[in-house]
N, C-alpha and C. Protein backbone atom coordinates (compact mmCIF):
# COMPACT_ATOMS: atom_id res chain seq x y z
N MET A 1 2.55 14.64 16.65
CA MET A 1 1.22 15.25 16.72
C MET A 1 0.22 14.20 17.21
N ALA A 2 -0.60 14.56 18.16
CA ALA A 2 -1.56 13.63 18.74
C ALA A 2 -2.57 13.19 17.68
N GLY A 3 -2.95 11.91 17.75
CA GLY A 3 -3.96 11.40 16.85
C GLY A 3 -3.42 10.91 15.52
N GLN A 4 -2.12 11.09 15.27
CA GLN A 4 -1.56 10.63 14.01
C GLN A 4 -0.80 9.33 14.23
N ALA A 5 -0.72 8.56 13.16
CA ALA A 5 0.03 7.30 13.21
C ALA A 5 1.49 7.58 13.55
N LYS A 6 2.10 6.67 14.24
CA LYS A 6 3.49 6.80 14.67
C LYS A 6 4.43 6.79 13.47
N VAL A 7 5.44 7.63 13.52
CA VAL A 7 6.54 7.56 12.57
C VAL A 7 7.53 6.54 13.14
N LEU A 8 7.87 5.55 12.33
CA LEU A 8 8.68 4.43 12.80
C LEU A 8 10.17 4.76 12.80
N THR A 9 10.87 4.21 13.77
CA THR A 9 12.33 4.29 13.79
C THR A 9 12.88 3.17 12.89
N ASP A 10 14.15 3.26 12.54
CA ASP A 10 14.78 2.20 11.74
C ASP A 10 14.72 0.87 12.48
N ASP A 11 14.93 0.88 13.79
CA ASP A 11 14.88 -0.35 14.58
C ASP A 11 13.47 -0.96 14.56
N GLU A 12 12.45 -0.12 14.63
CA GLU A 12 11.07 -0.62 14.58
C GLU A 12 10.75 -1.21 13.20
N ILE A 13 11.24 -0.57 12.16
CA ILE A 13 11.03 -1.10 10.80
C ILE A 13 11.68 -2.48 10.69
N ASP A 14 12.92 -2.59 11.13
CA ASP A 14 13.62 -3.87 11.08
C ASP A 14 12.89 -4.93 11.91
N ALA A 15 12.42 -4.55 13.09
CA ALA A 15 11.71 -5.50 13.95
C ALA A 15 10.43 -6.00 13.27
N LEU A 16 9.70 -5.11 12.61
CA LEU A 16 8.48 -5.52 11.92
C LEU A 16 8.77 -6.45 10.76
N LEU A 17 9.82 -6.13 9.99
CA LEU A 17 10.17 -6.98 8.85
C LEU A 17 10.70 -8.34 9.31
N ASP A 18 11.38 -8.36 10.44
CA ASP A 18 11.94 -9.61 10.97
C ASP A 18 10.91 -10.45 11.74
N ALA A 19 9.79 -9.84 12.11
CA ALA A 19 8.83 -10.50 13.00
C ALA A 19 8.03 -11.60 12.31
N THR A 20 7.94 -11.55 11.01
CA THR A 20 7.10 -12.51 10.31
C THR A 20 7.92 -13.37 9.37
N ASP A 21 7.46 -14.61 9.21
CA ASP A 21 8.08 -15.52 8.24
C ASP A 21 7.41 -15.41 6.87
N SER A 22 6.37 -14.58 6.79
CA SER A 22 5.59 -14.47 5.56
C SER A 22 6.23 -13.47 4.58
N ALA A 23 6.62 -13.96 3.42
CA ALA A 23 7.17 -13.09 2.38
C ALA A 23 6.11 -12.09 1.92
N ARG A 24 4.84 -12.52 1.93
CA ARG A 24 3.76 -11.60 1.54
C ARG A 24 3.66 -10.44 2.51
N ASP A 25 3.73 -10.73 3.82
CA ASP A 25 3.59 -9.68 4.82
C ASP A 25 4.76 -8.70 4.73
N ARG A 26 5.97 -9.22 4.52
CA ARG A 26 7.14 -8.34 4.37
C ARG A 26 7.01 -7.48 3.11
N ALA A 27 6.50 -8.07 2.02
CA ALA A 27 6.31 -7.31 0.78
C ALA A 27 5.26 -6.22 0.97
N LEU A 28 4.18 -6.54 1.70
CA LEU A 28 3.14 -5.55 1.97
C LEU A 28 3.70 -4.38 2.77
N ILE A 29 4.45 -4.69 3.83
CA ILE A 29 5.08 -3.63 4.62
C ILE A 29 6.02 -2.83 3.74
N GLY A 30 6.81 -3.51 2.92
CA GLY A 30 7.77 -2.83 2.06
C GLY A 30 7.12 -1.90 1.05
N VAL A 31 6.05 -2.34 0.43
CA VAL A 31 5.36 -1.50 -0.56
C VAL A 31 4.80 -0.25 0.09
N MET A 32 4.18 -0.39 1.26
CA MET A 32 3.63 0.78 1.94
C MET A 32 4.75 1.71 2.42
N LEU A 33 5.84 1.14 2.93
CA LEU A 33 6.92 1.94 3.48
C LEU A 33 7.76 2.61 2.39
N PHE A 34 8.30 1.83 1.48
CA PHE A 34 9.25 2.37 0.51
C PHE A 34 8.60 3.18 -0.60
N CYS A 35 7.28 3.07 -0.75
CA CYS A 35 6.58 3.87 -1.76
C CYS A 35 5.63 4.88 -1.13
N GLY A 36 5.47 4.85 0.19
CA GLY A 36 4.60 5.80 0.87
C GLY A 36 3.13 5.63 0.51
N LEU A 37 2.72 4.39 0.25
CA LEU A 37 1.35 4.15 -0.19
C LEU A 37 0.38 4.00 0.99
N ARG A 38 -0.85 4.37 0.73
CA ARG A 38 -1.94 4.07 1.64
C ARG A 38 -2.20 2.57 1.56
N VAL A 39 -2.77 1.99 2.60
CA VAL A 39 -3.03 0.55 2.61
C VAL A 39 -3.96 0.18 1.46
N SER A 40 -4.97 0.99 1.17
CA SER A 40 -5.90 0.69 0.08
C SER A 40 -5.19 0.69 -1.27
N GLU A 41 -4.21 1.59 -1.44
CA GLU A 41 -3.46 1.63 -2.69
C GLU A 41 -2.58 0.39 -2.84
N ALA A 42 -1.93 -0.02 -1.75
CA ALA A 42 -1.07 -1.20 -1.79
C ALA A 42 -1.90 -2.45 -2.10
N CYS A 43 -3.05 -2.57 -1.46
CA CYS A 43 -3.89 -3.76 -1.66
C CYS A 43 -4.38 -3.88 -3.10
N ALA A 44 -4.64 -2.77 -3.74
CA ALA A 44 -5.21 -2.77 -5.08
C ALA A 44 -4.18 -3.00 -6.19
N LEU A 45 -2.90 -3.06 -5.85
CA LEU A 45 -1.87 -3.21 -6.87
C LEU A 45 -1.98 -4.55 -7.59
N SER A 46 -1.79 -4.50 -8.90
CA SER A 46 -1.68 -5.74 -9.67
C SER A 46 -0.20 -6.02 -9.89
N ARG A 47 0.11 -7.23 -10.27
CA ARG A 47 1.51 -7.57 -10.56
C ARG A 47 2.08 -6.66 -11.63
N ASP A 48 1.24 -6.31 -12.61
CA ASP A 48 1.70 -5.50 -13.73
C ASP A 48 1.95 -4.04 -13.37
N ASP A 49 1.58 -3.62 -12.16
CA ASP A 49 1.82 -2.24 -11.73
C ASP A 49 3.28 -2.01 -11.33
N ILE A 50 4.05 -3.09 -11.25
CA ILE A 50 5.48 -2.96 -10.94
C ILE A 50 6.26 -3.54 -12.11
N LYS A 51 6.96 -2.63 -12.80
CA LYS A 51 7.72 -3.08 -13.96
C LYS A 51 8.84 -2.10 -14.25
N GLY A 52 9.94 -2.64 -14.71
CA GLY A 52 11.06 -1.80 -15.09
C GLY A 52 11.60 -0.94 -13.97
N GLY A 53 11.59 -1.44 -12.75
CA GLY A 53 12.11 -0.66 -11.63
C GLY A 53 11.19 0.44 -11.15
N LEU A 54 9.95 0.46 -11.63
CA LEU A 54 8.97 1.46 -11.21
C LEU A 54 7.71 0.80 -10.70
N LEU A 55 7.14 1.41 -9.67
CA LEU A 55 5.79 1.07 -9.26
C LEU A 55 4.91 2.15 -9.85
N VAL A 56 4.00 1.76 -10.73
CA VAL A 56 3.10 2.71 -11.38
C VAL A 56 1.72 2.51 -10.77
N LEU A 57 1.27 3.52 -10.06
CA LEU A 57 -0.03 3.48 -9.40
C LEU A 57 -1.03 4.20 -10.30
N PRO A 58 -1.87 3.44 -11.00
CA PRO A 58 -2.86 4.09 -11.88
C PRO A 58 -3.82 4.97 -11.10
N LYS A 59 -4.27 6.05 -11.71
CA LYS A 59 -5.14 6.98 -10.98
C LYS A 59 -6.40 6.31 -10.45
N ALA A 60 -6.86 5.26 -11.10
CA ALA A 60 -8.06 4.56 -10.63
C ALA A 60 -7.84 3.89 -9.28
N LYS A 61 -6.58 3.68 -8.90
CA LYS A 61 -6.26 3.01 -7.64
C LYS A 61 -5.83 4.00 -6.56
N THR A 62 -5.86 5.30 -6.85
CA THR A 62 -5.46 6.30 -5.86
C THR A 62 -6.69 6.81 -5.11
N LYS A 63 -6.44 7.48 -4.00
CA LYS A 63 -7.52 7.97 -3.15
C LYS A 63 -8.44 8.93 -3.90
N GLY A 64 -7.87 9.93 -4.53
CA GLY A 64 -8.69 10.92 -5.20
C GLY A 64 -8.98 10.60 -6.66
N LYS A 65 -8.34 9.55 -7.17
CA LYS A 65 -8.50 9.13 -8.56
C LYS A 65 -8.23 10.27 -9.55
N LEU A 66 -7.27 11.15 -9.18
CA LEU A 66 -6.98 12.33 -10.00
C LEU A 66 -5.79 12.15 -10.93
N ALA A 67 -4.77 11.43 -10.48
CA ALA A 67 -3.57 11.30 -11.30
C ALA A 67 -2.82 10.02 -10.95
N SER A 68 -2.17 9.46 -11.95
CA SER A 68 -1.31 8.31 -11.74
C SER A 68 -0.02 8.78 -11.09
N ARG A 69 0.66 7.85 -10.42
CA ARG A 69 1.96 8.16 -9.82
C ARG A 69 2.94 7.07 -10.21
N SER A 70 4.17 7.47 -10.50
CA SER A 70 5.25 6.52 -10.75
C SER A 70 6.30 6.71 -9.67
N ILE A 71 6.65 5.62 -9.00
CA ILE A 71 7.58 5.69 -7.88
C ILE A 71 8.69 4.66 -8.13
N PRO A 72 9.94 5.10 -8.14
CA PRO A 72 11.03 4.14 -8.31
C PRO A 72 11.03 3.10 -7.19
N VAL A 73 11.33 1.87 -7.54
CA VAL A 73 11.37 0.79 -6.55
C VAL A 73 12.73 0.81 -5.86
N HIS A 74 12.69 1.06 -4.55
CA HIS A 74 13.91 1.08 -3.74
C HIS A 74 14.55 -0.32 -3.77
N PRO A 75 15.88 -0.42 -3.73
CA PRO A 75 16.53 -1.74 -3.75
C PRO A 75 16.06 -2.68 -2.63
N ARG A 76 15.78 -2.15 -1.45
CA ARG A 76 15.28 -3.02 -0.36
C ARG A 76 13.89 -3.57 -0.70
N LEU A 77 13.06 -2.75 -1.35
CA LEU A 77 11.75 -3.23 -1.77
C LEU A 77 11.90 -4.25 -2.89
N ALA A 78 12.80 -4.01 -3.82
CA ALA A 78 13.03 -4.96 -4.91
C ALA A 78 13.39 -6.34 -4.35
N LEU A 79 14.22 -6.36 -3.31
CA LEU A 79 14.60 -7.63 -2.69
C LEU A 79 13.39 -8.30 -2.03
N LEU A 80 12.58 -7.52 -1.32
CA LEU A 80 11.38 -8.08 -0.68
C LEU A 80 10.42 -8.65 -1.73
N LEU A 81 10.28 -7.96 -2.85
CA LEU A 81 9.39 -8.44 -3.91
C LEU A 81 9.96 -9.68 -4.60
N GLN A 82 11.28 -9.72 -4.73
CA GLN A 82 11.93 -10.88 -5.34
C GLN A 82 11.70 -12.13 -4.48
N GLN A 83 11.64 -11.95 -3.18
CA GLN A 83 11.44 -13.07 -2.26
C GLN A 83 9.97 -13.47 -2.13
N TYR A 84 9.10 -12.76 -2.84
CA TYR A 84 7.66 -12.99 -2.75
C TYR A 84 7.11 -13.35 -4.13
N PRO A 85 7.11 -14.65 -4.45
CA PRO A 85 6.57 -15.04 -5.76
C PRO A 85 5.05 -14.89 -5.78
N VAL A 86 4.57 -14.21 -6.80
CA VAL A 86 3.13 -13.94 -6.90
C VAL A 86 2.58 -14.62 -8.14
N GLU A 87 1.45 -15.26 -7.96
CA GLU A 87 0.74 -15.83 -9.10
C GLU A 87 -0.64 -15.18 -9.12
N GLY A 88 -1.12 -14.91 -10.31
CA GLY A 88 -2.43 -14.29 -10.43
C GLY A 88 -2.31 -12.82 -10.75
N GLU A 89 -3.45 -12.17 -10.78
CA GLU A 89 -3.52 -10.77 -11.22
C GLU A 89 -3.00 -9.79 -10.18
N TYR A 90 -3.39 -9.97 -8.92
CA TYR A 90 -3.09 -8.98 -7.89
C TYR A 90 -1.78 -9.28 -7.17
N LEU A 91 -1.08 -8.22 -6.79
CA LEU A 91 0.15 -8.38 -6.02
C LEU A 91 -0.16 -9.00 -4.66
N PHE A 92 -1.27 -8.59 -4.07
CA PHE A 92 -1.71 -9.13 -2.79
C PHE A 92 -3.13 -9.69 -2.96
N PRO A 93 -3.23 -10.93 -3.45
CA PRO A 93 -4.56 -11.50 -3.72
C PRO A 93 -5.31 -11.81 -2.43
N SER A 94 -6.62 -11.87 -2.56
CA SER A 94 -7.45 -12.24 -1.41
C SER A 94 -7.21 -13.71 -1.07
N ARG A 95 -7.64 -14.10 0.08
CA ARG A 95 -7.45 -15.47 0.55
C ARG A 95 -8.06 -16.48 -0.42
N HIS A 96 -9.18 -16.12 -1.02
CA HIS A 96 -9.88 -17.05 -1.91
C HIS A 96 -9.54 -16.82 -3.37
N GLY A 97 -8.65 -15.85 -3.64
CA GLY A 97 -8.21 -15.61 -5.01
C GLY A 97 -9.25 -14.97 -5.90
N THR A 98 -10.27 -14.36 -5.30
CA THR A 98 -11.35 -13.76 -6.10
C THR A 98 -11.18 -12.26 -6.28
N GLY A 99 -10.11 -11.71 -5.82
CA GLY A 99 -9.85 -10.28 -5.92
C GLY A 99 -8.58 -9.97 -5.16
N HIS A 100 -8.46 -8.73 -4.73
CA HIS A 100 -7.27 -8.34 -3.97
C HIS A 100 -7.55 -8.39 -2.47
N LEU A 101 -6.48 -8.42 -1.71
CA LEU A 101 -6.55 -8.39 -0.25
C LEU A 101 -7.33 -7.14 0.16
N HIS A 102 -8.26 -7.30 1.05
CA HIS A 102 -9.05 -6.16 1.52
C HIS A 102 -8.21 -5.35 2.50
N PRO A 103 -8.32 -4.01 2.46
CA PRO A 103 -7.55 -3.18 3.39
C PRO A 103 -7.74 -3.56 4.87
N SER A 104 -8.92 -4.00 5.25
CA SER A 104 -9.11 -4.40 6.66
C SER A 104 -8.32 -5.66 6.97
N SER A 105 -8.19 -6.55 6.01
CA SER A 105 -7.36 -7.75 6.20
C SER A 105 -5.89 -7.37 6.28
N ALA A 106 -5.48 -6.42 5.45
CA ALA A 106 -4.09 -5.94 5.50
C ALA A 106 -3.81 -5.26 6.84
N SER A 107 -4.78 -4.54 7.36
CA SER A 107 -4.62 -3.91 8.68
C SER A 107 -4.42 -4.96 9.75
N GLN A 108 -5.13 -6.08 9.65
CA GLN A 108 -4.96 -7.16 10.60
C GLN A 108 -3.57 -7.78 10.48
N VAL A 109 -3.08 -7.91 9.26
CA VAL A 109 -1.72 -8.42 9.03
C VAL A 109 -0.72 -7.52 9.76
N ILE A 110 -0.89 -6.21 9.64
CA ILE A 110 0.03 -5.27 10.29
C ILE A 110 -0.09 -5.37 11.81
N ARG A 111 -1.32 -5.45 12.32
CA ARG A 111 -1.50 -5.59 13.78
C ARG A 111 -0.81 -6.86 14.28
N ASP A 112 -0.92 -7.95 13.51
CA ASP A 112 -0.26 -9.20 13.90
C ASP A 112 1.26 -9.05 13.89
N CYS A 113 1.81 -8.38 12.89
CA CYS A 113 3.26 -8.14 12.83
C CYS A 113 3.72 -7.27 14.00
N VAL A 114 2.92 -6.26 14.33
CA VAL A 114 3.25 -5.39 15.46
C VAL A 114 3.32 -6.21 16.75
N THR A 115 2.36 -7.09 16.94
CA THR A 115 2.35 -7.94 18.13
C THR A 115 3.54 -8.89 18.14
N LEU A 116 3.80 -9.54 17.00
CA LEU A 116 4.94 -10.46 16.91
C LEU A 116 6.27 -9.75 17.19
N ALA A 117 6.36 -8.48 16.77
CA ALA A 117 7.59 -7.70 16.97
C ALA A 117 7.70 -7.14 18.38
N GLY A 118 6.64 -7.30 19.19
CA GLY A 118 6.66 -6.77 20.55
C GLY A 118 6.52 -5.26 20.59
N LEU A 119 5.82 -4.70 19.62
CA LEU A 119 5.70 -3.24 19.51
C LEU A 119 4.28 -2.76 19.79
N ASP A 120 3.49 -3.57 20.48
CA ASP A 120 2.12 -3.16 20.84
C ASP A 120 2.13 -1.88 21.67
N GLY A 121 1.08 -1.10 21.51
CA GLY A 121 0.90 0.09 22.34
C GLY A 121 1.67 1.31 21.89
N LEU A 122 2.34 1.24 20.75
CA LEU A 122 3.12 2.38 20.26
C LEU A 122 2.38 3.24 19.25
N GLY A 123 1.18 2.83 18.88
CA GLY A 123 0.41 3.61 17.90
C GLY A 123 0.77 3.29 16.46
N ILE A 124 1.33 2.11 16.22
CA ILE A 124 1.70 1.72 14.86
C ILE A 124 0.46 1.20 14.13
N THR A 125 0.17 1.81 12.99
CA THR A 125 -0.94 1.40 12.14
C THR A 125 -0.44 1.30 10.70
N THR A 126 -1.32 0.93 9.80
CA THR A 126 -0.92 0.88 8.38
C THR A 126 -0.46 2.26 7.91
N HIS A 127 -1.02 3.30 8.47
CA HIS A 127 -0.67 4.66 8.05
C HIS A 127 0.72 5.08 8.56
N SER A 128 1.25 4.35 9.54
CA SER A 128 2.60 4.64 10.03
C SER A 128 3.63 4.53 8.92
N PHE A 129 3.42 3.59 8.01
CA PHE A 129 4.39 3.40 6.92
C PHE A 129 4.40 4.59 5.97
N ARG A 130 3.23 5.12 5.67
CA ARG A 130 3.14 6.30 4.81
C ARG A 130 3.77 7.52 5.50
N ARG A 131 3.41 7.75 6.76
CA ARG A 131 4.00 8.89 7.50
C ARG A 131 5.51 8.75 7.61
N THR A 132 5.97 7.53 7.86
CA THR A 132 7.40 7.28 7.99
C THR A 132 8.10 7.58 6.67
N ALA A 133 7.56 7.09 5.56
CA ALA A 133 8.18 7.31 4.25
C ALA A 133 8.28 8.80 3.95
N LEU A 134 7.21 9.53 4.15
CA LEU A 134 7.20 10.95 3.81
C LEU A 134 8.10 11.75 4.74
N THR A 135 8.12 11.40 6.02
CA THR A 135 9.00 12.08 6.98
C THR A 135 10.46 11.80 6.65
N LYS A 136 10.78 10.55 6.30
CA LYS A 136 12.17 10.21 5.95
C LYS A 136 12.62 10.98 4.71
N LEU A 137 11.74 11.10 3.74
CA LEU A 137 12.07 11.88 2.54
C LEU A 137 12.34 13.34 2.90
N SER A 138 11.50 13.89 3.74
CA SER A 138 11.68 15.28 4.16
C SER A 138 12.99 15.45 4.93
N ASN A 139 13.26 14.53 5.85
CA ASN A 139 14.48 14.60 6.65
C ASN A 139 15.74 14.44 5.80
N ALA A 140 15.60 13.77 4.66
CA ALA A 140 16.73 13.59 3.76
C ALA A 140 16.94 14.81 2.86
N GLY A 141 16.11 15.83 3.04
CA GLY A 141 16.27 17.05 2.27
C GLY A 141 15.58 17.05 0.92
N VAL A 142 14.70 16.07 0.69
CA VAL A 142 13.97 16.02 -0.58
C VAL A 142 12.98 17.19 -0.60
N PRO A 143 12.96 17.96 -1.69
CA PRO A 143 12.03 19.09 -1.76
C PRO A 143 10.57 18.65 -1.61
N LEU A 144 9.78 19.50 -0.95
CA LEU A 144 8.38 19.17 -0.70
C LEU A 144 7.60 18.88 -1.98
N ARG A 145 7.90 19.58 -3.05
CA ARG A 145 7.18 19.34 -4.32
C ARG A 145 7.46 17.93 -4.84
N VAL A 146 8.66 17.43 -4.62
CA VAL A 146 8.99 16.07 -5.05
C VAL A 146 8.26 15.06 -4.16
N ILE A 147 8.26 15.31 -2.87
CA ILE A 147 7.53 14.42 -1.95
C ILE A 147 6.04 14.43 -2.31
N GLN A 148 5.52 15.58 -2.67
CA GLN A 148 4.11 15.68 -3.06
C GLN A 148 3.82 14.82 -4.29
N GLN A 149 4.74 14.77 -5.23
CA GLN A 149 4.56 13.93 -6.41
C GLN A 149 4.54 12.45 -6.04
N ILE A 150 5.40 12.08 -5.10
CA ILE A 150 5.46 10.69 -4.66
C ILE A 150 4.21 10.31 -3.89
N SER A 151 3.77 11.20 -3.00
CA SER A 151 2.65 10.89 -2.11
C SER A 151 1.28 11.05 -2.77
N GLY A 152 1.22 11.91 -3.78
CA GLY A 152 -0.07 12.15 -4.43
C GLY A 152 -0.95 13.14 -3.70
N HIS A 153 -0.40 13.87 -2.74
CA HIS A 153 -1.20 14.89 -2.05
C HIS A 153 -1.54 16.02 -3.01
N LYS A 154 -2.77 16.52 -2.91
CA LYS A 154 -3.22 17.61 -3.77
C LYS A 154 -2.55 18.92 -3.42
N SER A 155 -2.25 19.11 -2.14
CA SER A 155 -1.67 20.39 -1.72
C SER A 155 -0.49 20.15 -0.79
N LEU A 156 0.40 21.12 -0.77
CA LEU A 156 1.53 21.06 0.14
C LEU A 156 1.06 21.15 1.59
N ALA A 157 -0.02 21.87 1.82
CA ALA A 157 -0.56 22.00 3.19
C ALA A 157 -0.99 20.64 3.72
N SER A 158 -1.66 19.85 2.90
CA SER A 158 -2.08 18.52 3.38
C SER A 158 -0.88 17.60 3.56
N LEU A 159 0.11 17.73 2.69
CA LEU A 159 1.33 16.93 2.83
C LEU A 159 2.05 17.24 4.13
N GLN A 160 2.15 18.52 4.46
CA GLN A 160 2.92 18.93 5.63
C GLN A 160 2.34 18.37 6.93
N LEU A 161 1.07 18.03 6.95
CA LEU A 161 0.47 17.43 8.14
C LEU A 161 1.07 16.05 8.44
N TYR A 162 1.63 15.42 7.42
CA TYR A 162 2.21 14.09 7.57
C TYR A 162 3.61 14.12 8.16
N LEU A 163 4.30 15.23 8.00
CA LEU A 163 5.71 15.29 8.32
C LEU A 163 5.95 15.57 9.79
N GLN A 164 6.68 14.68 10.42
CA GLN A 164 7.00 14.84 11.83
C GLN A 164 8.21 15.75 11.97
N VAL A 165 8.12 16.70 12.88
CA VAL A 165 9.24 17.59 13.21
C VAL A 165 9.59 17.33 14.66
N THR A 166 10.87 17.05 14.90
CA THR A 166 11.30 16.72 16.26
C THR A 166 11.90 17.95 16.94
N PRO A 167 11.93 17.97 18.26
CA PRO A 167 12.57 19.08 18.97
C PRO A 167 14.04 19.25 18.57
N ASP A 168 14.74 18.14 18.31
CA ASP A 168 16.14 18.22 17.88
C ASP A 168 16.28 18.94 16.54
N GLN A 169 15.34 18.71 15.64
CA GLN A 169 15.37 19.40 14.35
C GLN A 169 15.15 20.90 14.52
N ILE A 170 14.25 21.25 15.40
CA ILE A 170 13.99 22.67 15.65
C ILE A 170 15.23 23.33 16.24
N GLU A 171 15.84 22.69 17.22
CA GLU A 171 17.06 23.23 17.82
C GLU A 171 18.17 23.37 16.79
N SER A 172 18.37 22.35 15.97
CA SER A 172 19.40 22.40 14.93
C SER A 172 19.15 23.52 13.94
N ALA A 173 17.90 23.73 13.59
CA ALA A 173 17.54 24.79 12.65
C ALA A 173 17.89 26.17 13.24
N VAL A 174 17.53 26.37 14.48
CA VAL A 174 17.81 27.66 15.13
C VAL A 174 19.32 27.88 15.23
N LEU A 175 20.06 26.85 15.63
CA LEU A 175 21.51 26.99 15.75
C LEU A 175 22.17 27.20 14.39
N ALA A 176 21.65 26.57 13.35
CA ALA A 176 22.24 26.71 12.02
C ALA A 176 21.97 28.09 11.41
N ALA A 177 20.89 28.71 11.84
CA ALA A 177 20.48 29.99 11.24
C ALA A 177 21.35 31.15 11.69
N PHE A 178 21.99 31.02 12.82
CA PHE A 178 22.74 32.17 13.35
C PHE A 178 24.18 31.82 13.57
């Protein structure tokens, strides 16, 4: 759909993760991708928001501030977090340690990773990770209500705007139906 962030391929994800030597940058990409978080939600995470194999996003850190979300930590994310030792309150502290990384700074980190990976001009933004996560869940056959719980969307209609449908999927659906 025009105007929306690109849904990433597996090769593009690998290229972005491999493009940087920064454990922090890989962890930031991982949190947004494997949990389907908005950049502002990822930036606001404290170290204590990840415990016992769960990422718990308090409602105060969500877009609508309506409900908390608990998202299991994918094994690939667990590895990225293990490789990223964090000191202090925030998972992604600001440069001066006076708060958390600002979303605009995180956006610059992603733009730099995109450039390092040689993926400029493809429409990759911080929101690409959220769209990719939700589309991958949908393509894996996860029910929309479950994806809605993970993403925190208020309605299924707003969630469905995130999900990419390819011509191959449409063709497969038609062929499978008859």
